[in-house]
Protein backbone atom coordinates (compact mmCIF):
# COMPACT_ATOMS: atom_id res chain seq x y z
CA UNK A 1 -32.35 78.91 -9.89
CA UNK A 2 -35.58 76.98 -10.04
CA UNK A 3 -36.93 73.80 -10.14
CA UNK A 4 -40.31 72.31 -11.18
CA UNK A 5 -41.19 68.57 -11.63
CA UNK A 6 -45.07 67.78 -13.09
CA UNK A 7 -46.88 64.75 -13.72
CA UNK A 8 -45.35 62.97 -9.76
CA UNK A 9 -44.59 58.51 -9.48
CA UNK A 10 -43.28 56.46 -7.89
CA UNK A 11 -40.23 56.57 -11.15
CA UNK A 12 -40.47 59.79 -12.54
CA UNK A 13 -42.00 63.44 -13.55
CA UNK A 14 -43.19 64.19 -17.64
CA UNK A 15 -42.17 67.10 -17.23
CA UNK A 16 -39.13 69.02 -15.01
CA UNK A 17 -38.32 72.40 -15.93
CA UNK A 18 -35.12 74.16 -14.85
CA UNK A 19 -32.93 77.54 -15.31
CA UNK A 20 -35.15 77.77 -18.39
CA UNK A 21 -35.20 74.50 -19.88
CA UNK A 22 -38.09 70.88 -20.20
CA UNK A 23 -37.23 67.78 -20.37
CA UNK A 24 -39.80 65.90 -21.10
CA UNK A 25 -40.02 61.96 -20.75
CA UNK A 26 -40.91 59.70 -22.57
CA UNK A 27 -44.31 59.68 -24.21
CA UNK A 28 -45.34 56.77 -26.56
CA UNK A 29 -49.53 56.19 -27.60
CA UNK A 30 -51.73 54.55 -25.25
CA UNK A 31 -54.72 53.63 -27.98
CA UNK A 32 -52.11 51.92 -30.90
CA UNK A 33 -53.66 52.09 -34.21
CA UNK A 34 -51.20 53.20 -37.36
CA UNK A 35 -48.19 54.95 -36.75
CA UNK A 36 -49.45 57.48 -38.20
CA UNK A 37 -52.15 57.89 -35.45
CA UNK A 38 -49.69 56.27 -32.90
CA UNK A 39 -47.77 59.52 -33.57
CA UNK A 40 -50.12 62.20 -33.38
CA UNK A 41 -51.37 60.64 -30.48
CA UNK A 42 -47.95 61.14 -29.06
CA UNK A 43 -46.84 64.70 -30.37
CA UNK A 44 -50.12 65.54 -29.16
CA UNK A 45 -48.97 65.15 -25.43
CA UNK A 46 -46.01 66.13 -26.26
CA UNK A 47 -47.48 69.77 -27.03
CA UNK A 48 -50.05 70.14 -24.18
CA UNK A 49 -46.84 68.80 -21.86
CA UNK A 50 -44.92 72.16 -24.01
CA UNK A 51 -48.04 74.05 -23.58
CA UNK A 52 -48.37 73.37 -19.25
CA UNK A 53 -44.33 74.82 -19.71
CA UNK A 54 -45.12 77.24 -20.66
CA UNK A 55 -43.35 76.01 -23.68
CA UNK A 56 -43.64 74.70 -27.71
CA UNK A 57 -42.61 73.13 -30.35
CA UNK A 58 -40.41 75.47 -31.96
CA UNK A 59 -38.17 75.38 -29.05
CA UNK A 60 -37.71 72.57 -29.36
CA UNK A 61 -33.65 70.90 -29.10
CA UNK A 62 -33.17 67.76 -29.42
CA UNK A 63 -36.20 64.82 -30.00
CA UNK A 64 -34.70 61.63 -29.61
CA UNK A 65 -38.00 59.15 -31.32
CA UNK A 66 -37.91 55.05 -31.54
CA UNK A 67 -39.97 52.39 -33.37
CA UNK A 68 -40.79 48.94 -33.62
CA UNK A 69 -39.65 48.24 -36.90
CA UNK A 70 -37.90 50.67 -39.83
CA UNK A 71 -40.94 49.15 -41.93
CA UNK A 72 -42.89 52.72 -40.23
CA UNK A 73 -40.36 54.99 -40.88
CA UNK A 74 -42.35 56.73 -43.50
CA UNK A 75 -45.58 56.88 -41.97
CA UNK A 76 -43.99 57.80 -39.01
CA UNK A 77 -41.79 60.66 -40.68
CA UNK A 78 -44.68 62.30 -42.54
CA UNK A 79 -46.06 62.76 -39.30
CA UNK A 80 -43.27 64.50 -37.83
CA UNK A 81 -42.02 66.37 -40.60
CA UNK A 82 -46.19 68.27 -40.98
CA UNK A 83 -46.20 68.97 -36.61
CA UNK A 84 -42.28 70.49 -36.18
CA UNK A 85 -42.86 74.27 -36.37
CA UNK A 86 -41.13 75.05 -39.56
CA UNK A 87 -37.70 76.76 -39.77
CA UNK A 88 -36.90 75.50 -36.14
CA UNK A 89 -36.78 71.62 -36.56
CA UNK A 90 -34.20 70.37 -33.66
CA UNK A 91 -31.74 67.96 -33.79
CA UNK A 92 -33.06 64.08 -33.45
CA UNK A 93 -33.08 60.91 -33.99
CA UNK A 94 -35.00 57.42 -34.85
CA UNK A 95 -33.74 54.50 -34.10
CA UNK A 96 -35.48 50.90 -34.56
CA UNK A 97 -35.99 49.00 -30.83
CA UNK A 98 -37.97 46.28 -29.87
CA UNK A 99 -38.36 46.61 -26.56
CA UNK A 100 -40.87 48.35 -24.76
CA UNK A 101 -43.22 48.95 -22.00
CA UNK A 102 -46.48 49.03 -23.45
CA UNK A 103 -47.30 47.77 -27.14
CA UNK A 104 -46.28 50.46 -29.23
CA UNK A 105 -44.38 50.98 -31.90
CA UNK A 106 -43.59 54.86 -31.61
CA UNK A 107 -42.07 56.18 -28.10
CA UNK A 108 -40.50 59.48 -27.75
CA UNK A 109 -38.25 61.33 -25.61
């Protein structure tokens, strides 16, 4: 079974593909802005990684979404619902976390 890694640096790979399953590193907004803008940017990065792996959002198995404040949930959730493939949603969890490597309101695994 072939193991493929993409976008590697000293501490992580952004994408690992093994046995037909893709694993993505945490993605987040680089630009900031509203929670809706950050969510759209983050999901766009996920779309790009999935496309490069020969996959798409209709094949997602699981998603972890981290936001800095549950007050942002509705804005994030509306963008998520508009983005996710109809009739093919992954299992997911949304959690609040005050930590972040960079200042951002949303991080997704």
